[in-house]
Amino acid sequence: MNRKLLMESCKTLAAAGVWCIPESTLSACAGYPDKSYLRVALARHVKAGIIERLGPKLYSNPFLRAPSSALFRLTNFLRPADSFYLSCESILSEHGWISQLPFCLTFVTSGRSYRYSTPLGDIDFVHTNEDSESWHGHITRNHDRQIWEATPEKALADLHRYKRNLDLVLPESERP
């Protein structure tokens, strides 16, 4: 994929509101070239600063600024086939149950555990053996972020379940 075709494709996608571009979309824009050729070309464009790599096979659109909730929304691109929800320190911090801001977003997932380091921030996926049906009533959809989020009670239970640091959790009498 040459620079001119990449730029034209990104402009077209920006007009459609696409801020995060999967490699498969760029492949389609280039007429489905050989995958190894496309990856070499994209690596060169990343190195030249034309396009930024957000994660495995994901690139930011240089003609469209990422939304304020981009780090949250990026999870849907990173794990399109898995069920997951925001939990643990991320939720407890938002609800004032711990006093510090977490250094990464923590998601409980039906998929494998993995930490992604992206230019937008870090995302930690923690595997659960829980059936996703058991999550019903304990998670809600955040439409702005386009993710599912645990209740503070569920997030605290997850913190216990995955043996994460409980030292930061405020006593029940001090929580808002």
N, C-alpha and C. Protein backbone atom coordinates (compact mmCIF):
# COMPACT_ATOMS: atom_id res chain seq x y z
N MET A 1 0.86 -1.17 0.00
CA MET A 1 0.00 0.00 0.00
C MET A 1 0.90 1.23 0.00
N ASN A 2 0.80 2.02 -1.05
CA ASN A 2 1.65 3.20 -1.11
C ASN A 2 1.05 4.34 -0.27
N ARG A 3 1.86 5.37 -0.05
CA ARG A 3 1.47 6.48 0.82
C ARG A 3 0.22 7.19 0.32
N LYS A 4 0.13 7.42 -0.99
CA LYS A 4 -1.03 8.13 -1.54
C LYS A 4 -2.33 7.36 -1.30
N LEU A 5 -2.31 6.06 -1.54
CA LEU A 5 -3.50 5.24 -1.32
C LEU A 5 -3.87 5.19 0.16
N LEU A 6 -2.86 5.11 1.02
CA LEU A 6 -3.12 5.11 2.47
C LEU A 6 -3.79 6.41 2.89
N MET A 7 -3.28 7.53 2.42
CA MET A 7 -3.84 8.83 2.80
C MET A 7 -5.26 9.01 2.28
N GLU A 8 -5.50 8.60 1.04
CA GLU A 8 -6.85 8.69 0.48
C GLU A 8 -7.82 7.81 1.26
N SER A 9 -7.39 6.62 1.59
CA SER A 9 -8.23 5.69 2.36
C SER A 9 -8.55 6.25 3.73
N CYS A 10 -7.54 6.82 4.39
CA CYS A 10 -7.75 7.39 5.72
C CYS A 10 -8.70 8.59 5.68
N LYS A 11 -8.59 9.42 4.64
CA LYS A 11 -9.50 10.57 4.50
C LYS A 11 -10.94 10.10 4.31
N THR A 12 -11.12 9.08 3.47
CA THR A 12 -12.46 8.54 3.24
C THR A 12 -13.03 7.96 4.52
N LEU A 13 -12.22 7.22 5.26
CA LEU A 13 -12.67 6.62 6.52
C LEU A 13 -12.95 7.70 7.57
N ALA A 14 -12.16 8.77 7.58
CA ALA A 14 -12.38 9.87 8.52
C ALA A 14 -13.72 10.54 8.25
N ALA A 15 -14.06 10.68 6.98
CA ALA A 15 -15.35 11.28 6.62
C ALA A 15 -16.51 10.42 7.13
N ALA A 16 -16.27 9.12 7.27
CA ALA A 16 -17.29 8.20 7.79
C ALA A 16 -17.22 8.08 9.32
N GLY A 17 -16.29 8.82 9.96
CA GLY A 17 -16.19 8.80 11.41
C GLY A 17 -15.35 7.68 11.98
N VAL A 18 -14.52 7.05 11.15
CA VAL A 18 -13.69 5.92 11.61
C VAL A 18 -12.36 6.46 12.14
N TRP A 19 -12.14 6.33 13.45
CA TRP A 19 -10.90 6.82 14.07
C TRP A 19 -9.89 5.71 14.31
N CYS A 20 -10.35 4.46 14.42
CA CYS A 20 -9.49 3.30 14.63
C CYS A 20 -9.68 2.37 13.44
N ILE A 21 -8.60 2.13 12.70
CA ILE A 21 -8.70 1.37 11.46
C ILE A 21 -8.07 -0.01 11.60
N PRO A 22 -8.85 -1.06 11.49
CA PRO A 22 -8.27 -2.41 11.51
C PRO A 22 -7.47 -2.67 10.24
N GLU A 23 -6.48 -3.51 10.36
CA GLU A 23 -5.65 -3.88 9.21
C GLU A 23 -6.51 -4.44 8.07
N SER A 24 -7.55 -5.18 8.41
CA SER A 24 -8.41 -5.78 7.39
C SER A 24 -9.09 -4.70 6.54
N THR A 25 -9.43 -3.58 7.15
CA THR A 25 -10.04 -2.48 6.40
C THR A 25 -9.03 -1.86 5.44
N LEU A 26 -7.81 -1.67 5.91
CA LEU A 26 -6.76 -1.13 5.04
C LEU A 26 -6.45 -2.10 3.91
N SER A 27 -6.50 -3.39 4.20
CA SER A 27 -6.28 -4.40 3.17
C SER A 27 -7.36 -4.30 2.09
N ALA A 28 -8.61 -4.11 2.52
CA ALA A 28 -9.72 -3.98 1.56
C ALA A 28 -9.54 -2.72 0.71
N CYS A 29 -9.11 -1.63 1.34
CA CYS A 29 -8.89 -0.38 0.60
C CYS A 29 -7.79 -0.52 -0.44
N ALA A 30 -6.83 -1.40 -0.15
CA ALA A 30 -5.70 -1.60 -1.07
C ALA A 30 -5.96 -2.72 -2.06
N GLY A 31 -7.16 -3.29 -2.07
CA GLY A 31 -7.48 -4.34 -3.02
C GLY A 31 -6.98 -5.71 -2.60
N TYR A 32 -6.90 -5.94 -1.29
CA TYR A 32 -6.48 -7.24 -0.72
C TYR A 32 -5.12 -7.71 -1.24
N PRO A 33 -4.07 -6.93 -0.98
CA PRO A 33 -2.74 -7.37 -1.39
C PRO A 33 -2.27 -8.52 -0.48
N ASP A 34 -1.16 -9.10 -0.80
CA ASP A 34 -0.55 -10.13 0.04
C ASP A 34 -0.36 -9.57 1.45
N LYS A 35 -0.72 -10.36 2.46
CA LYS A 35 -0.66 -9.89 3.85
C LYS A 35 0.74 -9.47 4.26
N SER A 36 1.73 -10.23 3.87
CA SER A 36 3.10 -9.87 4.27
C SER A 36 3.52 -8.56 3.63
N TYR A 37 3.12 -8.32 2.38
CA TYR A 37 3.42 -7.05 1.71
C TYR A 37 2.74 -5.89 2.45
N LEU A 38 1.47 -6.08 2.80
CA LEU A 38 0.72 -5.03 3.49
C LEU A 38 1.36 -4.71 4.84
N ARG A 39 1.74 -5.72 5.57
CA ARG A 39 2.33 -5.49 6.90
C ARG A 39 3.67 -4.77 6.80
N VAL A 40 4.46 -5.10 5.81
CA VAL A 40 5.74 -4.40 5.60
C VAL A 40 5.47 -2.94 5.25
N ALA A 41 4.50 -2.71 4.36
CA ALA A 41 4.16 -1.34 3.96
C ALA A 41 3.65 -0.54 5.16
N LEU A 42 2.78 -1.15 5.97
CA LEU A 42 2.25 -0.45 7.14
C LEU A 42 3.35 -0.17 8.16
N ALA A 43 4.25 -1.11 8.34
CA ALA A 43 5.37 -0.90 9.27
C ALA A 43 6.22 0.28 8.81
N ARG A 44 6.41 0.42 7.51
CA ARG A 44 7.18 1.56 6.98
C ARG A 44 6.43 2.87 7.22
N HIS A 45 5.12 2.85 7.03
CA HIS A 45 4.33 4.07 7.24
C HIS A 45 4.30 4.46 8.72
N VAL A 46 4.28 3.47 9.60
CA VAL A 46 4.35 3.74 11.04
C VAL A 46 5.70 4.35 11.38
N LYS A 47 6.77 3.77 10.87
CA LYS A 47 8.12 4.26 11.12
C LYS A 47 8.31 5.69 10.60
N ALA A 48 7.66 5.99 9.46
CA ALA A 48 7.75 7.33 8.88
C ALA A 48 6.84 8.33 9.59
N GLY A 49 6.00 7.86 10.51
CA GLY A 49 5.12 8.76 11.26
C GLY A 49 3.85 9.15 10.52
N ILE A 50 3.53 8.44 9.47
CA ILE A 50 2.33 8.76 8.69
C ILE A 50 1.07 8.25 9.39
N ILE A 51 1.20 7.09 10.01
CA ILE A 51 0.08 6.47 10.69
C ILE A 51 0.62 5.89 12.00
N GLU A 52 -0.23 5.82 13.02
CA GLU A 52 0.20 5.31 14.33
C GLU A 52 -0.45 3.97 14.62
N ARG A 53 0.35 3.05 15.12
CA ARG A 53 -0.15 1.72 15.49
C ARG A 53 -0.73 1.80 16.90
N LEU A 54 -2.00 1.39 17.06
CA LEU A 54 -2.66 1.41 18.37
C LEU A 54 -2.58 0.08 19.09
N GLY A 55 -2.47 -0.98 18.33
CA GLY A 55 -2.43 -2.32 18.89
C GLY A 55 -2.22 -3.31 17.78
N PRO A 56 -2.34 -4.60 18.08
CA PRO A 56 -2.16 -5.60 17.03
C PRO A 56 -3.17 -5.41 15.89
N LYS A 57 -2.65 -5.11 14.71
CA LYS A 57 -3.47 -4.93 13.51
C LYS A 57 -4.48 -3.78 13.62
N LEU A 58 -4.16 -2.76 14.43
CA LEU A 58 -5.03 -1.59 14.60
C LEU A 58 -4.21 -0.31 14.46
N TYR A 59 -4.77 0.65 13.73
CA TYR A 59 -4.07 1.90 13.45
C TYR A 59 -5.00 3.08 13.69
N SER A 60 -4.43 4.20 14.11
CA SER A 60 -5.24 5.41 14.30
C SER A 60 -5.34 6.15 12.97
N ASN A 61 -6.46 6.79 12.78
CA ASN A 61 -6.68 7.56 11.57
C ASN A 61 -6.05 8.94 11.76
N PRO A 62 -5.06 9.31 10.93
CA PRO A 62 -4.39 10.59 11.12
C PRO A 62 -5.28 11.80 10.80
N PHE A 63 -6.43 11.56 10.19
CA PHE A 63 -7.31 12.67 9.83
C PHE A 63 -8.50 12.83 10.77
N LEU A 64 -8.52 12.04 11.83
CA LEU A 64 -9.64 12.11 12.78
C LEU A 64 -9.09 11.87 14.18
N ARG A 65 -9.36 12.82 15.05
CA ARG A 65 -8.89 12.69 16.43
C ARG A 65 -9.72 11.61 17.13
N ALA A 66 -9.07 10.85 17.97
CA ALA A 66 -9.76 9.80 18.73
C ALA A 66 -10.74 10.45 19.71
N PRO A 67 -11.88 9.80 19.98
CA PRO A 67 -12.84 10.36 20.94
C PRO A 67 -12.26 10.35 22.35
N SER A 68 -12.87 11.09 23.25
CA SER A 68 -12.36 11.17 24.62
C SER A 68 -12.37 9.80 25.30
N SER A 69 -13.26 8.94 24.91
CA SER A 69 -13.35 7.61 25.50
C SER A 69 -12.64 6.55 24.64
N ALA A 70 -11.65 6.98 23.88
CA ALA A 70 -10.98 6.09 22.92
C ALA A 70 -10.35 4.87 23.56
N LEU A 71 -9.71 5.03 24.72
CA LEU A 71 -9.06 3.88 25.35
C LEU A 71 -10.09 2.81 25.71
N PHE A 72 -11.25 3.24 26.20
CA PHE A 72 -12.32 2.30 26.52
C PHE A 72 -12.84 1.62 25.24
N ARG A 73 -13.07 2.42 24.22
CA ARG A 73 -13.62 1.89 22.97
C ARG A 73 -12.63 0.97 22.23
N LEU A 74 -11.35 1.20 22.45
CA LEU A 74 -10.33 0.38 21.81
C LEU A 74 -10.47 -1.09 22.20
N THR A 75 -10.98 -1.34 23.40
CA THR A 75 -11.14 -2.74 23.86
C THR A 75 -12.02 -3.54 22.92
N ASN A 76 -13.02 -2.91 22.33
CA ASN A 76 -13.90 -3.60 21.40
C ASN A 76 -13.17 -4.03 20.13
N PHE A 77 -12.15 -3.27 19.74
CA PHE A 77 -11.34 -3.64 18.58
C PHE A 77 -10.33 -4.73 18.94
N LEU A 78 -9.80 -4.66 20.17
CA LEU A 78 -8.80 -5.63 20.60
C LEU A 78 -9.41 -7.01 20.86
N ARG A 79 -10.65 -7.04 21.34
CA ARG A 79 -11.30 -8.31 21.69
C ARG A 79 -12.70 -8.40 21.10
N PRO A 80 -12.83 -8.43 19.78
CA PRO A 80 -14.16 -8.40 19.18
C PRO A 80 -14.99 -9.67 19.43
N ALA A 81 -14.36 -10.79 19.71
CA ALA A 81 -15.10 -12.05 19.87
C ALA A 81 -15.29 -12.44 21.33
N ASP A 82 -14.72 -11.69 22.27
CA ASP A 82 -14.81 -12.04 23.69
C ASP A 82 -15.87 -11.22 24.40
N SER A 83 -16.38 -11.78 25.48
CA SER A 83 -17.25 -11.04 26.40
C SER A 83 -16.34 -10.47 27.49
N PHE A 84 -16.56 -9.21 27.87
CA PHE A 84 -15.74 -8.59 28.90
C PHE A 84 -16.46 -7.40 29.50
N TYR A 85 -16.00 -6.99 30.67
CA TYR A 85 -16.54 -5.80 31.32
C TYR A 85 -15.45 -5.13 32.15
N LEU A 86 -15.57 -3.82 32.32
CA LEU A 86 -14.63 -3.05 33.12
C LEU A 86 -14.87 -3.37 34.59
N SER A 87 -13.80 -3.61 35.34
CA SER A 87 -13.97 -4.02 36.73
C SER A 87 -12.76 -3.66 37.56
N CYS A 88 -12.67 -4.27 38.71
CA CYS A 88 -11.57 -4.16 39.67
C CYS A 88 -11.24 -2.71 40.00
N GLU A 89 -9.95 -2.36 40.02
CA GLU A 89 -9.52 -1.03 40.44
C GLU A 89 -10.12 0.08 39.59
N SER A 90 -10.36 -0.18 38.32
CA SER A 90 -10.89 0.84 37.41
C SER A 90 -12.25 1.33 37.88
N ILE A 91 -13.14 0.42 38.22
CA ILE A 91 -14.48 0.78 38.68
C ILE A 91 -14.44 1.34 40.10
N LEU A 92 -13.69 0.69 40.97
CA LEU A 92 -13.64 1.14 42.37
C LEU A 92 -13.10 2.56 42.48
N SER A 93 -12.14 2.91 41.64
CA SER A 93 -11.60 4.27 41.64
C SER A 93 -12.66 5.28 41.19
N GLU A 94 -13.40 4.94 40.14
CA GLU A 94 -14.45 5.83 39.64
C GLU A 94 -15.54 6.09 40.66
N HIS A 95 -15.82 5.10 41.50
CA HIS A 95 -16.88 5.22 42.50
C HIS A 95 -16.35 5.69 43.86
N GLY A 96 -15.06 6.00 43.94
CA GLY A 96 -14.48 6.52 45.17
C GLY A 96 -14.25 5.48 46.25
N TRP A 97 -14.21 4.21 45.86
CA TRP A 97 -13.98 3.14 46.84
C TRP A 97 -12.49 2.91 47.08
N ILE A 98 -11.64 3.41 46.18
CA ILE A 98 -10.20 3.44 46.43
C ILE A 98 -9.75 4.87 46.14
N SER A 99 -8.68 5.26 46.80
CA SER A 99 -8.29 6.67 46.74
C SER A 99 -7.35 7.01 45.59
N GLN A 100 -6.80 6.02 44.94
CA GLN A 100 -5.84 6.29 43.88
C GLN A 100 -6.41 5.98 42.51
N LEU A 101 -5.85 6.63 41.50
CA LEU A 101 -6.22 6.33 40.13
C LEU A 101 -5.43 5.12 39.65
N PRO A 102 -6.09 4.17 39.00
CA PRO A 102 -5.33 3.02 38.49
C PRO A 102 -4.46 3.42 37.31
N PHE A 103 -3.37 2.69 37.12
CA PHE A 103 -2.44 3.01 36.03
C PHE A 103 -2.84 2.35 34.72
N CYS A 104 -3.87 1.48 34.76
CA CYS A 104 -4.38 0.88 33.54
C CYS A 104 -5.85 0.53 33.73
N LEU A 105 -6.54 0.28 32.63
CA LEU A 105 -7.93 -0.19 32.70
C LEU A 105 -7.90 -1.70 32.88
N THR A 106 -8.73 -2.20 33.78
CA THR A 106 -8.79 -3.64 34.03
C THR A 106 -10.15 -4.17 33.61
N PHE A 107 -10.13 -5.15 32.72
CA PHE A 107 -11.34 -5.79 32.23
C PHE A 107 -11.32 -7.27 32.61
N VAL A 108 -12.47 -7.78 33.03
CA VAL A 108 -12.64 -9.22 33.25
C VAL A 108 -13.18 -9.77 31.95
N THR A 109 -12.61 -10.87 31.46
CA THR A 109 -12.95 -11.37 30.14
C THR A 109 -13.13 -12.88 30.12
N SER A 110 -13.92 -13.32 29.18
CA SER A 110 -14.07 -14.76 28.93
C SER A 110 -12.88 -15.27 28.10
N GLY A 111 -12.12 -14.36 27.52
CA GLY A 111 -10.95 -14.71 26.73
C GLY A 111 -9.71 -14.85 27.60
N ARG A 112 -8.56 -14.89 26.97
CA ARG A 112 -7.32 -15.09 27.71
C ARG A 112 -6.84 -13.80 28.38
N SER A 113 -6.08 -13.96 29.44
CA SER A 113 -5.49 -12.82 30.13
C SER A 113 -4.37 -12.24 29.26
N TYR A 114 -4.28 -10.92 29.22
CA TYR A 114 -3.23 -10.27 28.46
C TYR A 114 -3.24 -8.78 28.77
N ARG A 115 -2.07 -8.17 28.74
CA ARG A 115 -1.98 -6.72 28.91
C ARG A 115 -1.52 -6.09 27.61
N TYR A 116 -2.27 -5.11 27.15
CA TYR A 116 -1.93 -4.35 25.95
C TYR A 116 -1.39 -2.98 26.37
N SER A 117 -0.26 -2.60 25.82
CA SER A 117 0.26 -1.25 26.00
C SER A 117 0.05 -0.52 24.69
N THR A 118 -0.75 0.53 24.73
CA THR A 118 -1.08 1.29 23.53
C THR A 118 -0.65 2.73 23.73
N PRO A 119 -0.59 3.52 22.67
CA PRO A 119 -0.27 4.94 22.83
C PRO A 119 -1.33 5.69 23.66
N LEU A 120 -2.53 5.12 23.76
CA LEU A 120 -3.60 5.75 24.53
C LEU A 120 -3.56 5.38 26.01
N GLY A 121 -2.87 4.30 26.35
CA GLY A 121 -2.80 3.81 27.73
C GLY A 121 -2.78 2.30 27.75
N ASP A 122 -2.69 1.74 28.94
CA ASP A 122 -2.61 0.28 29.10
C ASP A 122 -3.99 -0.31 29.39
N ILE A 123 -4.21 -1.50 28.86
CA ILE A 123 -5.45 -2.23 29.06
C ILE A 123 -5.08 -3.64 29.52
N ASP A 124 -5.62 -4.03 30.67
CA ASP A 124 -5.33 -5.34 31.25
C ASP A 124 -6.60 -6.19 31.18
N PHE A 125 -6.49 -7.36 30.55
CA PHE A 125 -7.60 -8.31 30.50
C PHE A 125 -7.27 -9.45 31.45
N VAL A 126 -8.20 -9.75 32.35
CA VAL A 126 -8.04 -10.83 33.32
C VAL A 126 -9.06 -11.90 32.99
N HIS A 127 -8.60 -13.13 32.75
CA HIS A 127 -9.49 -14.23 32.39
C HIS A 127 -10.35 -14.67 33.58
N THR A 128 -11.61 -14.99 33.28
CA THR A 128 -12.50 -15.55 34.30
C THR A 128 -13.09 -16.87 33.80
N ASN A 129 -13.30 -17.77 34.73
CA ASN A 129 -13.99 -19.02 34.41
C ASN A 129 -15.49 -18.89 34.66
N GLU A 130 -15.90 -17.74 35.19
CA GLU A 130 -17.32 -17.49 35.43
C GLU A 130 -18.10 -17.54 34.13
N ASP A 131 -19.29 -18.08 34.19
CA ASP A 131 -20.18 -18.08 33.04
C ASP A 131 -20.69 -16.65 32.84
N SER A 132 -20.65 -16.16 31.62
CA SER A 132 -21.09 -14.77 31.37
C SER A 132 -22.56 -14.56 31.73
N GLU A 133 -23.34 -15.61 31.80
CA GLU A 133 -24.74 -15.48 32.23
C GLU A 133 -24.84 -15.03 33.69
N SER A 134 -23.83 -15.38 34.50
CA SER A 134 -23.85 -14.99 35.91
C SER A 134 -23.59 -13.50 36.10
N TRP A 135 -23.14 -12.82 35.06
CA TRP A 135 -22.89 -11.39 35.14
C TRP A 135 -24.18 -10.58 35.13
N HIS A 136 -25.27 -11.18 34.67
CA HIS A 136 -26.54 -10.47 34.55
C HIS A 136 -26.93 -9.83 35.88
N GLY A 137 -27.26 -8.57 35.83
CA GLY A 137 -27.64 -7.82 37.03
C GLY A 137 -26.46 -7.20 37.74
N HIS A 138 -25.25 -7.55 37.35
CA HIS A 138 -24.06 -7.02 38.01
C HIS A 138 -23.24 -6.12 37.09
N ILE A 139 -23.64 -6.02 35.84
CA ILE A 139 -22.95 -5.13 34.90
C ILE A 139 -23.98 -4.30 34.15
N THR A 140 -23.58 -3.11 33.75
CA THR A 140 -24.45 -2.22 32.98
C THR A 140 -23.67 -1.70 31.78
N ARG A 141 -24.39 -1.29 30.76
CA ARG A 141 -23.77 -0.79 29.53
C ARG A 141 -23.53 0.70 29.65
N ASN A 142 -22.29 1.14 29.38
CA ASN A 142 -21.97 2.55 29.30
C ASN A 142 -21.96 2.89 27.82
N HIS A 143 -22.97 3.62 27.37
CA HIS A 143 -23.14 3.87 25.94
C HIS A 143 -22.10 4.85 25.38
N ASP A 144 -21.62 5.79 26.19
CA ASP A 144 -20.60 6.71 25.72
C ASP A 144 -19.28 5.98 25.49
N ARG A 145 -18.92 5.12 26.42
CA ARG A 145 -17.67 4.36 26.32
C ARG A 145 -17.82 3.12 25.43
N GLN A 146 -19.04 2.70 25.20
CA GLN A 146 -19.36 1.51 24.39
C GLN A 146 -18.78 0.23 24.99
N ILE A 147 -18.89 0.14 26.33
CA ILE A 147 -18.42 -1.06 27.04
C ILE A 147 -19.41 -1.40 28.15
N TRP A 148 -19.24 -2.61 28.70
CA TRP A 148 -19.98 -3.02 29.88
C TRP A 148 -19.13 -2.70 31.10
N GLU A 149 -19.79 -2.29 32.20
CA GLU A 149 -19.09 -1.95 33.43
C GLU A 149 -19.72 -2.68 34.61
N ALA A 150 -18.89 -3.14 35.53
CA ALA A 150 -19.36 -3.82 36.73
C ALA A 150 -19.89 -2.81 37.74
N THR A 151 -20.77 -3.27 38.60
CA THR A 151 -21.17 -2.46 39.75
C THR A 151 -19.99 -2.43 40.71
N PRO A 152 -19.93 -1.46 41.62
CA PRO A 152 -18.82 -1.44 42.58
C PRO A 152 -18.75 -2.73 43.41
N GLU A 153 -19.89 -3.28 43.75
CA GLU A 153 -19.91 -4.52 44.53
C GLU A 153 -19.30 -5.68 43.73
N LYS A 154 -19.64 -5.77 42.46
CA LYS A 154 -19.09 -6.81 41.59
C LYS A 154 -17.58 -6.60 41.40
N ALA A 155 -17.17 -5.34 41.24
CA ALA A 155 -15.75 -5.03 41.08
C ALA A 155 -14.96 -5.42 42.33
N LEU A 156 -15.53 -5.18 43.51
CA LEU A 156 -14.87 -5.58 44.75
C LEU A 156 -14.79 -7.10 44.85
N ALA A 157 -15.86 -7.79 44.47
CA ALA A 157 -15.84 -9.26 44.47
C ALA A 157 -14.78 -9.78 43.49
N ASP A 158 -14.65 -9.13 42.34
CA ASP A 158 -13.62 -9.51 41.37
C ASP A 158 -12.22 -9.28 41.94
N LEU A 159 -12.04 -8.18 42.65
CA LEU A 159 -10.76 -7.88 43.26
C LEU A 159 -10.36 -9.02 44.21
N HIS A 160 -11.31 -9.51 45.00
CA HIS A 160 -11.07 -10.64 45.89
C HIS A 160 -10.79 -11.91 45.09
N ARG A 161 -11.63 -12.18 44.08
CA ARG A 161 -11.53 -13.41 43.29
C ARG A 161 -10.17 -13.55 42.61
N TYR A 162 -9.65 -12.47 42.08
CA TYR A 162 -8.40 -12.53 41.33
C TYR A 162 -7.19 -12.17 42.18
N LYS A 163 -7.41 -12.11 43.51
CA LYS A 163 -6.33 -11.89 44.48
C LYS A 163 -5.49 -10.67 44.15
N ARG A 164 -6.18 -9.59 43.86
CA ARG A 164 -5.49 -8.34 43.58
C ARG A 164 -5.34 -7.56 44.88
N ASN A 165 -4.56 -6.51 44.86
CA ASN A 165 -4.24 -5.73 46.05
C ASN A 165 -5.51 -5.11 46.66
N LEU A 166 -5.80 -5.48 47.88
CA LEU A 166 -6.98 -4.96 48.59
C LEU A 166 -6.62 -3.83 49.54
N ASP A 167 -5.34 -3.50 49.65
CA ASP A 167 -4.89 -2.48 50.60
C ASP A 167 -5.45 -1.09 50.31
N LEU A 168 -5.76 -0.80 49.06
CA LEU A 168 -6.24 0.53 48.69
C LEU A 168 -7.73 0.71 48.90
N VAL A 169 -8.47 -0.37 49.10
CA VAL A 169 -9.93 -0.28 49.25
C VAL A 169 -10.26 0.38 50.58
N LEU A 170 -11.08 1.42 50.51
CA LEU A 170 -11.48 2.13 51.73
C LEU A 170 -12.44 1.28 52.55
N PRO A 171 -12.40 1.42 53.86
CA PRO A 171 -13.38 0.72 54.71
C PRO A 171 -14.79 1.15 54.32
N GLU A 172 -15.74 0.29 54.52
CA GLU A 172 -17.12 0.56 54.11
C GLU A 172 -17.66 1.87 54.68
N SER A 173 -17.25 2.20 55.91
CA SER A 173 -17.73 3.43 56.55
C SER A 173 -17.19 4.70 55.89
N GLU A 174 -16.11 4.61 55.13
CA GLU A 174 -15.52 5.78 54.49
C GLU A 174 -15.88 5.93 53.02
N ARG A 175 -16.61 4.98 52.46
CA ARG A 175 -16.97 5.04 51.04
C ARG A 175 -18.11 6.02 50.81
N PRO A 176 -18.12 6.67 49.65
CA PRO A 176 -19.23 7.60 49.33
C PRO A 176 -20.55 6.89 49.14
